[in-house]
Amino acid sequence: MAMSLRRKGPTEFQRASDGSMTLVEHIRELRNRLFKASLALVGGFIVGYILAQPVFDVLKQPYCAQFPGKPCAEVEFLQLGAGDGFLLKLKLALWVGLIVASPVWLYQLWAFIAPGLHRHERKYAYFFVALAAPLFIAGAVLAYFVVSKGLHFLLEAGVTGTEQQLEVTRYISFVTNMLLIFGVAFEFPLIVLMLNFVGLASAKRLLGWWRVAVFVFFLFSAVVTPTPDPFGMTALGACLSALYFAAVGVAFLNDKRRGRGRELYADVDDDEMSVLEDDREPIPAGAPIEQIAPVAAPQPIDRRYDDDIT
């Protein structure tokens, strides 16, 4: 008998793992989770619509910093379309709504996925989720300071001079893209830790990849950073490199806790096949067979009743 979908508490993470939920119940569960997440997004959108103007003022600060002798209220943008301002307000409200409602829709996503995970997998997931949000915020904060330096370089390196009026929608897209790129890039150490926690890569092997990792970080920074100045690329590449070495340090602690790298395998390379121990025990010979008993000949088949059957 299938368990009720209304059952709450710790058992809700064990409902699907034992096959007690049918396909229809899974679909209903997904529908309920999506409905609750949608309500949270609508509420977050309303809050974001109210806070759209203060958020715009914060995002405007890097542009105002390019005009030190001018108050920020007097720094104006260029608006090409009549509805661009309103659409921009809706866009900012959506971004703020996603952030405000993130605890609710992330929990709904987690509550739908968690029943299919083992207990130790859920423990690791709690650890990764707890680190994901601070790392994303750290990347976004770094991007906010990089935007100011990048704008200064772009406006100063142009042929039109520093007194320029930027188009508002393209400027906000530029800032939000930088925040998103830096925030997502800061999640890379979690991938490194995941490889180590599941046993796919040891800390020693991860440390041996540091040259390749640093090169990939700076190459990635040069490609994804919208500004051609070296400041943003260097800041992102250096921070990713530092986070990589921090993740390797955590991997060493994890390997030590699990007892990896014992003296038994100290001289064995990561790519070397370990020697199998031959612990087979010899089987003593059995007693010899002195004489084989003769097999009796089969008895002839009585066919007296064949004519009656036919």
Protein backbone atom coordinates (compact mmCIF):
# COMPACT_ATOMS: atom_id res chain seq x y z
CA MET A 1 0.00 0.00 0.00
CA ALA A 2 1.45 3.35 -1.02
CA MET A 3 2.21 5.89 1.67
CA SER A 4 0.27 9.09 1.82
CA LEU A 5 1.77 12.16 0.21
CA ARG A 6 0.66 14.24 3.19
CA ARG A 7 2.97 12.47 5.58
CA LYS A 8 5.54 14.90 6.97
CA GLY A 9 8.65 14.68 9.08
CA PRO A 10 11.88 12.67 8.66
CA THR A 11 10.09 9.86 6.84
CA GLU A 12 9.42 12.04 3.82
CA PHE A 13 13.02 11.47 2.72
CA GLN A 14 12.49 7.69 2.81
CA ARG A 15 9.25 7.41 0.87
CA ALA A 16 10.64 6.96 -2.62
CA SER A 17 13.80 5.02 -1.77
CA ASP A 18 11.87 1.86 -0.90
CA GLY A 19 9.63 2.02 -3.98
CA SER A 20 6.50 2.84 -1.96
CA MET A 21 5.47 5.68 -4.28
CA THR A 22 3.90 4.99 -7.64
CA LEU A 23 4.61 6.92 -10.82
CA VAL A 24 1.39 8.92 -10.46
CA GLU A 25 2.36 9.87 -6.91
CA HIS A 26 5.76 11.02 -8.11
CA ILE A 27 4.08 13.23 -10.70
CA ARG A 28 1.71 14.64 -8.08
CA GLU A 29 4.64 15.25 -5.77
CA LEU A 30 6.47 17.15 -8.55
CA ARG A 31 3.33 19.18 -9.27
CA ASN A 32 2.96 20.14 -5.61
CA ARG A 33 6.63 21.11 -5.32
CA LEU A 34 6.48 23.23 -8.48
CA PHE A 35 3.29 24.92 -7.30
CA LYS A 36 4.84 25.88 -3.95
CA ALA A 37 8.02 27.09 -5.67
CA SER A 38 5.94 29.17 -8.09
CA LEU A 39 4.06 30.81 -5.22
CA ALA A 40 7.36 31.67 -3.59
CA LEU A 41 8.66 33.16 -6.85
CA VAL A 42 5.52 35.28 -7.22
CA GLY A 43 5.96 36.59 -3.68
CA GLY A 44 9.64 37.24 -4.31
CA PHE A 45 8.78 39.06 -7.54
CA ILE A 46 6.43 41.40 -5.65
CA VAL A 47 9.18 42.14 -3.13
CA GLY A 48 11.66 42.64 -5.98
CA TYR A 49 9.30 45.06 -7.73
CA ILE A 50 9.21 47.17 -4.58
CA LEU A 51 13.01 47.03 -4.18
CA ALA A 52 13.82 47.52 -7.87
CA GLN A 53 14.76 51.18 -7.51
CA PRO A 54 17.17 50.70 -4.54
CA VAL A 55 18.76 47.76 -6.35
CA PHE A 56 19.18 49.88 -9.47
CA ASP A 57 20.86 52.59 -7.40
CA VAL A 58 23.34 50.04 -6.04
CA LEU A 59 24.13 48.70 -9.51
CA LYS A 60 24.54 52.27 -10.72
CA GLN A 61 27.36 53.05 -8.26
CA PRO A 62 30.23 51.66 -10.43
CA TYR A 63 29.10 53.94 -13.25
CA CYS A 64 28.81 56.91 -10.91
CA ALA A 65 32.36 56.25 -9.70
CA GLN A 66 33.61 57.21 -13.17
CA PHE A 67 32.47 60.79 -12.52
CA PRO A 68 34.09 61.67 -9.15
CA GLY A 69 33.17 65.34 -9.24
CA LYS A 70 29.52 64.72 -10.04
CA PRO A 71 26.76 63.54 -7.66
CA CYS A 72 25.36 60.14 -8.50
CA ALA A 73 21.83 61.52 -8.77
CA GLU A 74 22.98 63.75 -11.66
CA VAL A 75 24.61 60.89 -13.59
CA GLU A 76 22.12 59.87 -16.24
CA PHE A 77 21.79 56.94 -18.62
CA LEU A 78 20.58 56.87 -22.17
CA GLN A 79 17.22 55.19 -22.79
CA LEU A 80 16.52 54.27 -26.39
CA GLY A 81 13.03 52.78 -26.09
CA ALA A 82 9.91 54.13 -24.38
CA GLY A 83 9.35 50.87 -22.47
CA ASP A 84 12.97 50.08 -21.68
CA GLY A 85 12.76 51.55 -18.19
CA PHE A 86 9.69 49.53 -17.26
CA LEU A 87 11.09 46.31 -18.74
CA LEU A 88 14.32 46.89 -16.85
CA LYS A 89 12.35 47.28 -13.63
CA LEU A 90 10.60 43.96 -14.29
CA LYS A 91 13.95 42.32 -15.01
CA LEU A 92 15.45 43.58 -11.75
CA ALA A 93 12.32 42.49 -9.88
CA LEU A 94 12.70 38.99 -11.31
CA TRP A 95 16.36 38.77 -10.29
CA VAL A 96 15.57 39.99 -6.78
CA GLY A 97 12.60 37.65 -6.58
CA LEU A 98 14.76 34.65 -7.46
CA ILE A 99 17.21 35.58 -4.70
CA VAL A 100 14.55 36.34 -2.08
CA ALA A 101 12.59 33.16 -2.81
CA SER A 102 15.70 30.96 -3.18
CA PRO A 103 15.35 29.31 0.26
CA VAL A 104 11.84 28.13 -0.65
CA TRP A 105 12.36 26.90 -4.22
CA LEU A 106 15.73 25.37 -3.36
CA TYR A 107 14.12 23.46 -0.50
CA GLN A 108 11.31 22.25 -2.79
CA LEU A 109 13.89 21.04 -5.29
CA TRP A 110 15.86 19.36 -2.52
CA ALA A 111 12.75 17.75 -1.00
CA PHE A 112 11.91 16.20 -4.37
CA ILE A 113 15.42 14.85 -5.01
CA ALA A 114 16.40 13.80 -1.48
CA PRO A 115 14.23 10.65 -1.22
CA GLY A 116 16.29 9.06 -3.99
CA LEU A 117 19.58 9.60 -2.17
CA HIS A 118 21.28 7.49 0.46
CA ARG A 119 21.90 8.86 3.95
CA HIS A 120 25.60 9.61 3.35
CA GLU A 121 24.76 11.22 0.01
CA ARG A 122 22.30 13.54 1.74
CA LYS A 123 25.00 14.40 4.30
CA TYR A 124 27.40 15.43 1.54
CA ALA A 125 24.63 17.37 -0.21
CA TYR A 126 23.97 19.41 2.96
CA PHE A 127 27.68 20.23 3.10
CA PHE A 128 27.85 21.32 -0.55
CA VAL A 129 24.66 23.39 -0.39
CA ALA A 130 25.92 25.14 2.75
CA LEU A 131 29.08 26.16 0.89
CA ALA A 132 27.46 27.01 -2.45
CA ALA A 133 25.62 30.14 -1.30
CA PRO A 134 28.61 31.85 0.43
CA LEU A 135 30.87 31.07 -2.52
CA PHE A 136 28.38 32.54 -4.99
CA ILE A 137 27.99 35.67 -2.87
CA ALA A 138 31.78 36.03 -2.60
CA GLY A 139 32.10 35.80 -6.37
CA ALA A 140 29.35 38.38 -6.89
CA VAL A 141 30.98 40.81 -4.43
CA LEU A 142 34.31 40.46 -6.22
CA ALA A 143 32.60 41.09 -9.56
CA TYR A 144 31.01 44.25 -8.19
CA PHE A 145 34.46 45.73 -7.49
CA VAL A 146 35.86 44.43 -10.78
CA VAL A 147 33.08 46.21 -12.71
CA SER A 148 34.28 49.59 -11.49
CA LYS A 149 37.85 48.94 -12.64
CA GLY A 150 36.64 47.48 -15.92
CA LEU A 151 34.44 50.47 -16.69
CA HIS A 152 37.30 52.85 -15.96
CA PHE A 153 39.53 50.99 -18.40
CA LEU A 154 36.86 50.77 -21.12
CA LEU A 155 35.84 54.42 -20.90
CA GLU A 156 39.41 55.67 -20.73
CA ALA A 157 40.69 53.47 -23.57
CA GLY A 158 37.99 54.59 -26.00
CA VAL A 159 38.39 57.25 -28.64
CA THR A 160 35.35 59.24 -27.52
CA GLY A 161 36.76 60.30 -24.14
CA THR A 162 35.54 59.66 -20.61
CA GLU A 163 32.43 61.85 -20.76
CA GLN A 164 30.13 59.18 -22.16
CA GLN A 165 26.49 58.35 -21.59
CA LEU A 166 25.82 54.61 -21.50
CA GLU A 167 22.60 52.90 -22.54
CA VAL A 168 20.83 51.72 -19.40
CA THR A 169 19.69 48.21 -20.40
CA ARG A 170 23.08 47.25 -21.83
CA TYR A 171 24.83 48.57 -18.74
CA ILE A 172 22.61 46.57 -16.36
CA SER A 173 23.09 43.46 -18.51
CA PHE A 174 26.86 44.03 -18.36
CA VAL A 175 26.83 44.27 -14.55
CA THR A 176 24.48 41.33 -13.95
CA ASN A 177 26.44 39.12 -16.36
CA MET A 178 29.62 39.88 -14.45
CA LEU A 179 27.94 39.03 -11.15
CA LEU A 180 26.59 35.77 -12.56
CA ILE A 181 29.88 34.71 -14.18
CA PHE A 182 31.96 35.35 -11.08
CA GLY A 183 29.38 33.74 -8.81
CA VAL A 184 29.17 30.55 -10.88
CA ALA A 185 32.96 30.41 -11.31
CA PHE A 186 33.39 30.42 -7.53
CA GLU A 187 31.45 27.14 -7.37
CA PHE A 188 34.30 25.27 -9.07
CA PRO A 189 36.00 24.23 -5.78
CA LEU A 190 32.84 22.30 -4.92
CA ILE A 191 33.41 20.15 -8.02
CA VAL A 192 36.97 19.46 -6.85
CA LEU A 193 35.71 18.45 -3.40
CA MET A 194 33.01 16.29 -4.94
CA LEU A 195 35.59 14.35 -6.95
CA ASN A 196 37.53 13.70 -3.77
CA PHE A 197 34.58 12.86 -1.53
CA VAL A 198 33.24 10.24 -3.94
CA GLY A 199 36.70 8.71 -4.28
CA LEU A 200 37.41 9.59 -7.94
CA ALA A 201 40.50 11.71 -7.21
CA SER A 202 42.82 11.68 -4.23
CA ALA A 203 44.29 14.85 -2.72
CA LYS A 204 47.74 13.84 -3.96
CA ARG A 205 46.47 13.59 -7.51
CA LEU A 206 44.61 16.91 -7.26
CA LEU A 207 47.77 18.61 -6.02
CA GLY A 208 49.67 17.16 -8.97
CA TRP A 209 47.24 18.90 -11.33
CA TRP A 210 47.84 22.39 -9.92
CA ARG A 211 49.77 23.70 -12.96
CA VAL A 212 47.05 22.63 -15.37
CA ALA A 213 44.35 23.95 -13.02
CA VAL A 214 45.94 27.40 -12.70
CA PHE A 215 46.39 27.65 -16.49
CA VAL A 216 42.75 26.65 -17.05
CA PHE A 217 41.57 29.19 -14.48
CA PHE A 218 43.35 32.11 -16.12
CA LEU A 219 42.29 30.94 -19.59
CA PHE A 220 38.69 30.72 -18.42
CA SER A 221 38.96 34.16 -16.83
CA ALA A 222 40.30 35.66 -20.04
CA VAL A 223 37.45 34.20 -22.07
CA VAL A 224 34.44 34.87 -19.83
CA THR A 225 35.42 38.28 -18.45
CA PRO A 226 33.62 40.86 -20.60
CA THR A 227 36.25 43.55 -20.05
CA PRO A 228 39.55 43.33 -21.98
CA ASP A 229 41.51 44.84 -19.10
CA PRO A 230 43.89 42.55 -17.19
CA PHE A 231 42.46 43.48 -13.78
CA GLY A 232 39.27 41.41 -13.97
CA MET A 233 41.03 38.42 -15.51
CA THR A 234 43.78 38.47 -12.89
CA ALA A 235 41.37 38.90 -9.98
CA LEU A 236 39.14 36.03 -11.08
CA GLY A 237 42.05 33.72 -11.98
CA ALA A 238 43.90 34.39 -8.73
CA CYS A 239 40.80 33.83 -6.59
CA LEU A 240 39.95 30.59 -8.38
CA SER A 241 43.53 29.37 -7.91
CA ALA A 242 43.41 30.18 -4.19
CA LEU A 243 40.07 28.38 -3.85
CA TYR A 244 41.51 25.37 -5.67
CA PHE A 245 44.41 25.06 -3.23
CA ALA A 246 41.98 25.48 -0.34
CA ALA A 247 39.85 22.66 -1.75
CA VAL A 248 42.96 20.48 -2.09
CA GLY A 249 43.75 21.16 1.57
CA VAL A 250 40.26 20.01 2.57
CA ALA A 251 40.77 16.94 0.36
CA PHE A 252 43.97 16.08 2.27
CA LEU A 253 42.05 16.27 5.55
CA ASN A 254 39.32 14.08 4.10
CA ASP A 255 41.85 11.50 2.88
CA LYS A 256 43.54 11.46 6.28
CA ARG A 257 40.19 10.99 8.00
CA ARG A 258 39.31 8.07 5.76
CA GLY A 259 42.74 6.50 6.18
CA ARG A 260 43.78 6.76 2.54
CA GLY A 261 47.43 6.62 1.64
CA ARG A 262 48.41 4.02 4.23
CA GLU A 263 51.89 2.57 4.41
CA LEU A 264 50.67 -0.49 2.52
CA TYR A 265 50.17 1.62 -0.63
CA ALA A 266 52.74 4.33 0.06
CA ASP A 267 55.05 3.16 -2.75
CA VAL A 268 52.25 2.53 -5.26
CA ASP A 269 51.59 5.25 -7.84
CA ASP A 270 48.03 6.39 -8.46
CA ASP A 271 48.06 4.93 -11.98
CA GLU A 272 49.91 1.74 -11.04
CA MET A 273 48.08 -1.54 -10.72
CA SER A 274 48.35 -2.96 -7.21
CA VAL A 275 49.77 -6.47 -6.74
CA LEU A 276 47.23 -9.10 -5.77
CA GLU A 277 48.22 -11.31 -2.86
CA ASP A 278 48.12 -15.05 -3.55
CA ASP A 279 46.45 -16.39 -0.43
CA ARG A 280 45.16 -19.63 -1.95
CA GLU A 281 45.46 -22.76 0.19
CA PRO A 282 46.52 -26.05 -1.47
CA ILE A 283 43.88 -28.74 -1.63
CA PRO A 284 45.16 -32.18 -0.56
CA ALA A 285 44.72 -35.07 -2.93
CA GLY A 286 41.79 -37.35 -2.27
CA ALA A 287 41.88 -41.10 -1.65
CA PRO A 288 42.55 -43.20 -4.76
CA ILE A 289 39.72 -45.21 -6.27
CA GLU A 290 40.62 -48.91 -6.06
CA GLN A 291 37.79 -50.44 -8.07
CA ILE A 292 34.91 -49.09 -10.11
CA ALA A 293 31.63 -50.87 -9.51
CA PRO A 294 30.08 -52.24 -12.72
CA VAL A 295 26.98 -50.54 -14.03
CA ALA A 296 23.99 -52.82 -14.52
CA ALA A 297 22.65 -53.17 -18.05
CA PRO A 298 19.29 -51.52 -18.72
CA GLN A 299 16.24 -53.78 -18.69
CA PRO A 300 14.47 -54.41 -22.01
CA ILE A 301 11.23 -52.55 -22.60
CA ASP A 302 8.09 -54.66 -22.45
CA ARG A 303 6.17 -53.99 -25.69
CA ARG A 304 3.23 -56.36 -25.09
CA TYR A 305 0.75 -53.56 -24.87
CA ASP A 306 1.91 -51.62 -27.96
CA ASP A 307 -0.67 -53.32 -30.21
CA ASP A 308 -3.48 -52.57 -27.78
CA ILE A 309 -2.53 -48.90 -27.60
CA THR A 310 -2.39 -48.52 -31.36
